[in-house]
Amino acid sequence: MQVFALKGSFASLEPYLPLLFELGASGLEEKEGEVWAYFPTRRELPLPGRWLTLPDEDWLQKWREGLEPVVAGPFVILAPWHEWSGPEWKIVLEPGMAFGTGHHETTRMALEALAASELHGKKLLDVGTGSGILAIAAAMLGAQALGVDTDASVIPAARENARRNGVAPEFRVGSVEAAMPPYDLLVANLYAELHTELAASYARLLFPGGLALITGILAEKENLADAAMRATGFSPRLRRQEGEWVLLGYER
């Protein structure tokens, strides 16, 4: 097994984690001071790191076995091999198919914020859908959901995840330009600088009075995203923080 080791943590390397999956990583593991990305073979990667060769052992299986179910509001996120007997709504995802398995603080906060919103019969846009987890949750809550992502390779995985969970949100390749406005609610788990760039588009995509839930924001960069949202006419309605990550909610 080949491992690409990067200095840092899941939190500090958050913007690069989706890229590692896109480049062929079959799993990620946080070690002391490093994040290990598991690959079947070595390849050229546009990231600073070092390659390690591990002994013949099923490291991917060990990583999979280490994943635990994650509860987020009324949902529990499970891998296909997990069993669950609680009352939560099950979202079953295949880890490694695309970024977004519910194990990160930002995904959990977004799921909880969606569950606290009135979504039945509403139109929702999920920007940067990844595994499709947020669009899937929104569809379970009764929304007409569309997920968009600039990475075409994640769309089949998102559709398969939706099928596995018995819902049918739509998925398209692209970003905000792939959406057909207006929407009642928008959710975007990206990063502060990208929210800053997209704030005006968020305003264009929402009905007056619509809600934008944005996360993937490090607390130290919260002011960047907040200033951009206010500058495009949004009014703050919600703030949540878990660890060093923040979710912000705005009304158009």
Protein backbone atom coordinates (compact mmCIF):
# COMPACT_ATOMS: atom_id res chain seq x y z
CA MET A 1 0.00 0.00 0.00
CA GLN A 2 1.29 3.46 -0.94
CA VAL A 3 0.65 6.39 1.40
CA PHE A 4 1.07 10.07 0.64
CA ALA A 5 1.73 11.90 3.93
CA LEU A 6 1.02 15.63 4.28
CA LYS A 7 1.97 17.76 7.26
CA GLY A 8 -1.09 19.08 9.09
CA SER A 9 -4.51 17.89 10.24
CA PHE A 10 -7.94 17.32 8.71
CA ALA A 11 -8.80 20.87 9.82
CA SER A 12 -5.73 22.63 8.39
CA LEU A 13 -5.79 20.60 5.16
CA GLU A 14 -9.57 20.81 4.64
CA PRO A 15 -9.35 22.54 1.20
CA TYR A 16 -7.13 19.72 -0.12
CA LEU A 17 -9.11 16.71 1.08
CA PRO A 18 -11.57 16.63 -1.87
CA LEU A 19 -8.62 16.95 -4.27
CA LEU A 20 -6.96 13.86 -2.79
CA PHE A 21 -10.09 11.81 -3.47
CA GLU A 22 -10.27 13.27 -6.99
CA LEU A 23 -6.66 12.18 -7.57
CA GLY A 24 -7.43 8.60 -6.62
CA ALA A 25 -7.06 8.31 -2.85
CA SER A 26 -9.07 5.40 -1.48
CA GLY A 27 -9.09 6.70 2.09
CA LEU A 28 -7.69 9.31 4.48
CA GLU A 29 -6.43 8.93 8.03
CA GLU A 30 -5.32 11.59 10.52
CA LYS A 31 -2.05 10.77 12.26
CA GLU A 32 -0.08 12.83 14.78
CA GLY A 33 0.87 15.96 12.84
CA GLU A 34 0.03 14.40 9.46
CA VAL A 35 -2.78 13.28 7.19
CA TRP A 36 -2.19 10.00 5.35
CA ALA A 37 -3.84 9.48 1.97
CA TYR A 38 -3.95 5.84 0.81
CA PHE A 39 -3.29 5.11 -2.88
CA PRO A 40 -2.98 1.80 -4.75
CA THR A 41 0.13 3.09 -6.61
CA ARG A 42 2.35 6.14 -6.50
CA ARG A 43 1.62 9.04 -8.82
CA GLU A 44 2.58 12.63 -9.38
CA LEU A 45 0.59 14.86 -7.03
CA PRO A 46 0.44 18.69 -7.07
CA LEU A 47 0.81 18.81 -3.27
CA PRO A 48 3.73 19.01 -0.83
CA GLY A 49 4.16 15.67 0.89
CA ARG A 50 6.15 12.46 1.05
CA TRP A 51 5.47 8.92 -0.12
CA LEU A 52 5.56 5.95 2.25
CA THR A 53 5.37 2.26 1.40
CA LEU A 54 3.55 0.24 4.05
CA PRO A 55 3.95 -3.51 4.59
CA ASP A 56 1.46 -5.83 2.94
CA GLU A 57 -1.55 -5.34 5.19
CA ASP A 58 -5.08 -4.31 4.35
CA TRP A 59 -4.72 -0.71 5.52
CA LEU A 60 -7.82 0.33 3.61
CA GLN A 61 -9.83 -2.29 5.46
CA LYS A 62 -8.44 -1.04 8.78
CA TRP A 63 -9.41 2.51 7.83
CA ARG A 64 -12.92 1.41 6.88
CA GLU A 65 -13.30 -0.51 10.14
CA GLY A 66 -12.26 2.60 12.07
CA LEU A 67 -15.15 4.66 10.69
CA GLU A 68 -17.98 5.03 13.16
CA PRO A 69 -21.60 6.06 12.54
CA VAL A 70 -22.12 9.83 12.88
CA VAL A 71 -25.27 11.37 14.36
CA ALA A 72 -26.19 14.84 13.10
CA GLY A 73 -29.56 16.16 14.27
CA PRO A 74 -32.23 13.66 13.21
CA PHE A 75 -29.81 11.87 10.86
CA VAL A 76 -27.22 9.16 11.30
CA ILE A 77 -24.60 8.71 8.58
CA LEU A 78 -23.64 5.08 8.06
CA ALA A 79 -21.31 3.09 5.85
CA PRO A 80 -22.95 0.09 4.12
CA TRP A 81 -21.45 -2.33 6.67
CA HIS A 82 -22.74 -0.44 9.73
CA GLU A 83 -25.76 -1.54 11.72
CA TRP A 84 -27.99 0.95 13.51
CA SER A 85 -31.09 0.46 15.63
CA GLY A 86 -31.72 4.04 16.78
CA PRO A 87 -34.64 6.26 15.70
CA GLU A 88 -32.50 8.50 13.46
CA TRP A 89 -33.02 8.71 9.70
CA LYS A 90 -30.31 6.65 8.05
CA ILE A 91 -28.11 8.14 5.33
CA VAL A 92 -25.94 5.35 3.93
CA LEU A 93 -22.81 6.41 2.04
CA GLU A 94 -19.87 4.49 0.62
CA PRO A 95 -16.78 6.20 2.12
CA GLY A 96 -14.22 7.26 -0.44
CA MET A 97 -16.67 7.50 -3.36
CA ALA A 98 -16.63 11.30 -3.03
CA PHE A 99 -15.89 13.89 -0.39
CA GLY A 100 -18.52 14.34 2.32
CA THR A 101 -19.14 11.41 4.66
CA GLY A 102 -20.54 13.35 7.61
CA HIS A 103 -17.44 12.94 9.76
CA HIS A 104 -16.37 16.58 9.44
CA GLU A 105 -17.78 19.31 11.68
CA THR A 106 -18.96 21.41 8.74
CA THR A 107 -21.07 18.60 7.27
CA ARG A 108 -22.64 17.83 10.64
CA MET A 109 -23.49 21.50 11.24
CA ALA A 110 -25.02 21.78 7.76
CA LEU A 111 -27.17 18.69 8.33
CA GLU A 112 -28.38 20.03 11.66
CA ALA A 113 -29.18 23.43 10.13
CA LEU A 114 -31.12 21.79 7.30
CA ALA A 115 -33.11 19.73 9.79
CA ALA A 116 -34.01 22.91 11.68
CA SER A 117 -35.35 24.55 8.49
CA GLU A 118 -38.80 24.13 6.97
CA LEU A 119 -37.99 22.31 3.74
CA HIS A 120 -41.13 20.44 2.77
CA GLY A 121 -42.10 21.48 -0.75
CA LYS A 122 -39.25 24.00 -0.98
CA LYS A 123 -36.59 24.33 -3.69
CA LEU A 124 -33.04 23.84 -2.42
CA LEU A 125 -29.63 24.21 -4.07
CA ASP A 126 -26.55 22.39 -2.74
CA VAL A 127 -23.39 24.08 -4.10
CA GLY A 128 -20.33 21.79 -4.12
CA THR A 129 -22.40 18.67 -3.50
CA GLY A 130 -19.54 16.12 -3.33
CA SER A 131 -21.05 12.86 -2.10
CA GLY A 132 -24.51 14.46 -2.33
CA ILE A 133 -25.11 14.08 1.40
CA LEU A 134 -26.73 17.50 1.91
CA ALA A 135 -28.98 17.22 -1.15
CA ILE A 136 -29.94 13.72 -0.02
CA ALA A 137 -30.81 14.96 3.49
CA ALA A 138 -32.82 17.85 2.04
CA ALA A 139 -34.78 15.44 -0.18
CA MET A 140 -35.50 13.27 2.87
CA LEU A 141 -36.89 16.41 4.53
CA GLY A 142 -39.26 16.96 1.60
CA ALA A 143 -37.31 19.47 -0.48
CA GLN A 144 -36.95 19.54 -4.26
CA ALA A 145 -33.15 19.47 -4.21
CA LEU A 146 -30.46 20.08 -6.81
CA GLY A 147 -26.77 19.41 -6.13
CA VAL A 148 -24.05 20.92 -8.33
CA ASP A 149 -20.31 20.26 -8.36
CA THR A 150 -17.51 21.37 -10.66
CA ASP A 151 -15.93 17.90 -10.38
CA ALA A 152 -17.76 15.73 -12.91
CA SER A 153 -16.36 12.55 -11.34
CA VAL A 154 -18.42 12.92 -8.14
CA ILE A 155 -21.81 13.15 -9.86
CA PRO A 156 -22.21 9.38 -10.51
CA ALA A 157 -21.29 8.71 -6.86
CA ALA A 158 -23.82 11.28 -5.64
CA ARG A 159 -26.54 9.74 -7.81
CA GLU A 160 -25.68 6.26 -6.53
CA ASN A 161 -25.77 7.50 -2.93
CA ALA A 162 -29.19 9.05 -3.54
CA ARG A 163 -30.48 5.83 -5.10
CA ARG A 164 -29.14 3.84 -2.15
CA ASN A 165 -31.09 6.11 0.21
CA GLY A 166 -34.37 6.00 -1.69
CA VAL A 167 -34.52 9.67 -2.76
CA ALA A 168 -34.05 11.40 -6.10
CA PRO A 169 -32.45 14.84 -5.89
CA GLU A 170 -31.07 16.09 -9.18
CA PHE A 171 -27.31 16.41 -9.71
CA ARG A 172 -25.50 18.46 -12.35
CA VAL A 173 -21.91 19.24 -13.26
CA GLY A 174 -21.02 22.89 -12.65
CA SER A 175 -21.27 25.56 -10.02
CA VAL A 176 -23.86 28.29 -9.55
CA GLU A 177 -24.18 28.72 -13.32
CA ALA A 178 -25.64 25.19 -13.55
CA ALA A 179 -28.56 26.12 -11.29
CA MET A 180 -32.01 27.26 -12.41
CA PRO A 181 -33.09 29.98 -9.94
CA PRO A 182 -34.86 30.97 -7.86
CA TYR A 183 -34.51 28.80 -4.74
CA ASP A 184 -35.98 28.99 -1.26
CA LEU A 185 -32.76 27.79 0.36
CA LEU A 186 -29.12 27.41 -0.60
CA VAL A 187 -26.50 25.38 1.25
CA ALA A 188 -22.79 25.50 0.42
CA ASN A 189 -20.00 23.67 2.26
CA LEU A 190 -16.99 25.30 0.58
CA TYR A 191 -14.42 27.66 2.12
CA ALA A 192 -14.37 31.33 3.09
CA GLU A 193 -12.59 32.71 0.02
CA LEU A 194 -14.94 30.92 -2.36
CA HIS A 195 -18.01 32.09 -0.47
CA THR A 196 -16.62 35.61 -0.86
CA GLU A 197 -16.43 35.14 -4.63
CA LEU A 198 -19.90 33.59 -4.87
CA ALA A 199 -21.85 35.86 -2.50
CA ALA A 200 -23.40 37.92 -5.31
CA SER A 201 -24.43 34.71 -7.10
CA TYR A 202 -26.03 33.42 -3.90
CA ALA A 203 -28.17 36.55 -3.80
CA ARG A 204 -29.18 36.11 -7.45
CA LEU A 205 -30.18 32.48 -6.89
CA LEU A 206 -32.52 32.99 -3.91
CA PHE A 207 -36.07 34.22 -3.62
CA PRO A 208 -36.46 37.39 -1.53
CA GLY A 209 -36.55 36.10 2.02
CA GLY A 210 -34.62 32.97 1.00
CA LEU A 211 -32.02 31.45 3.31
CA ALA A 212 -28.34 30.84 2.56
CA LEU A 213 -26.47 28.41 4.81
CA ILE A 214 -22.72 28.62 4.23
CA THR A 215 -20.03 26.61 5.96
CA GLY A 216 -16.55 25.19 5.44
CA ILE A 217 -15.38 28.44 7.05
CA LEU A 218 -12.50 28.58 9.51
CA ALA A 219 -13.39 30.88 12.41
CA GLU A 220 -10.31 33.00 11.72
CA LYS A 221 -11.68 33.74 8.21
CA GLU A 222 -15.31 34.26 9.21
CA ASN A 223 -15.08 38.04 8.69
CA LEU A 224 -14.22 37.56 5.00
CA ALA A 225 -17.37 35.59 4.24
CA ASP A 226 -19.57 37.71 6.52
CA ALA A 227 -18.48 40.99 4.93
CA ALA A 228 -19.14 39.66 1.42
CA MET A 229 -22.60 38.37 2.33
CA ARG A 230 -23.61 41.63 4.01
CA ALA A 231 -22.25 43.64 1.06
CA THR A 232 -24.58 41.79 -1.32
CA GLY A 233 -27.66 42.54 0.81
CA PHE A 234 -27.86 39.49 3.07
CA SER A 235 -28.94 39.82 6.70
CA PRO A 236 -27.36 37.51 9.30
CA ARG A 237 -29.77 35.04 10.91
CA LEU A 238 -27.70 32.16 12.28
CA ARG A 239 -24.22 31.36 13.52
CA ARG A 240 -22.91 28.02 14.75
CA GLN A 241 -19.39 26.99 15.63
CA GLU A 242 -17.89 23.57 16.26
CA GLY A 243 -14.20 23.52 17.02
CA GLU A 244 -12.50 25.95 14.65
CA TRP A 245 -15.25 25.70 12.01
CA VAL A 246 -18.24 28.01 11.54
CA LEU A 247 -21.62 27.82 9.83
CA LEU A 248 -23.37 31.08 8.98
CA GLY A 249 -27.00 31.60 7.93
CA TYR A 250 -28.28 34.65 6.04
CA GLU A 251 -31.65 35.85 4.77
CA ARG A 252 -31.78 37.48 1.37
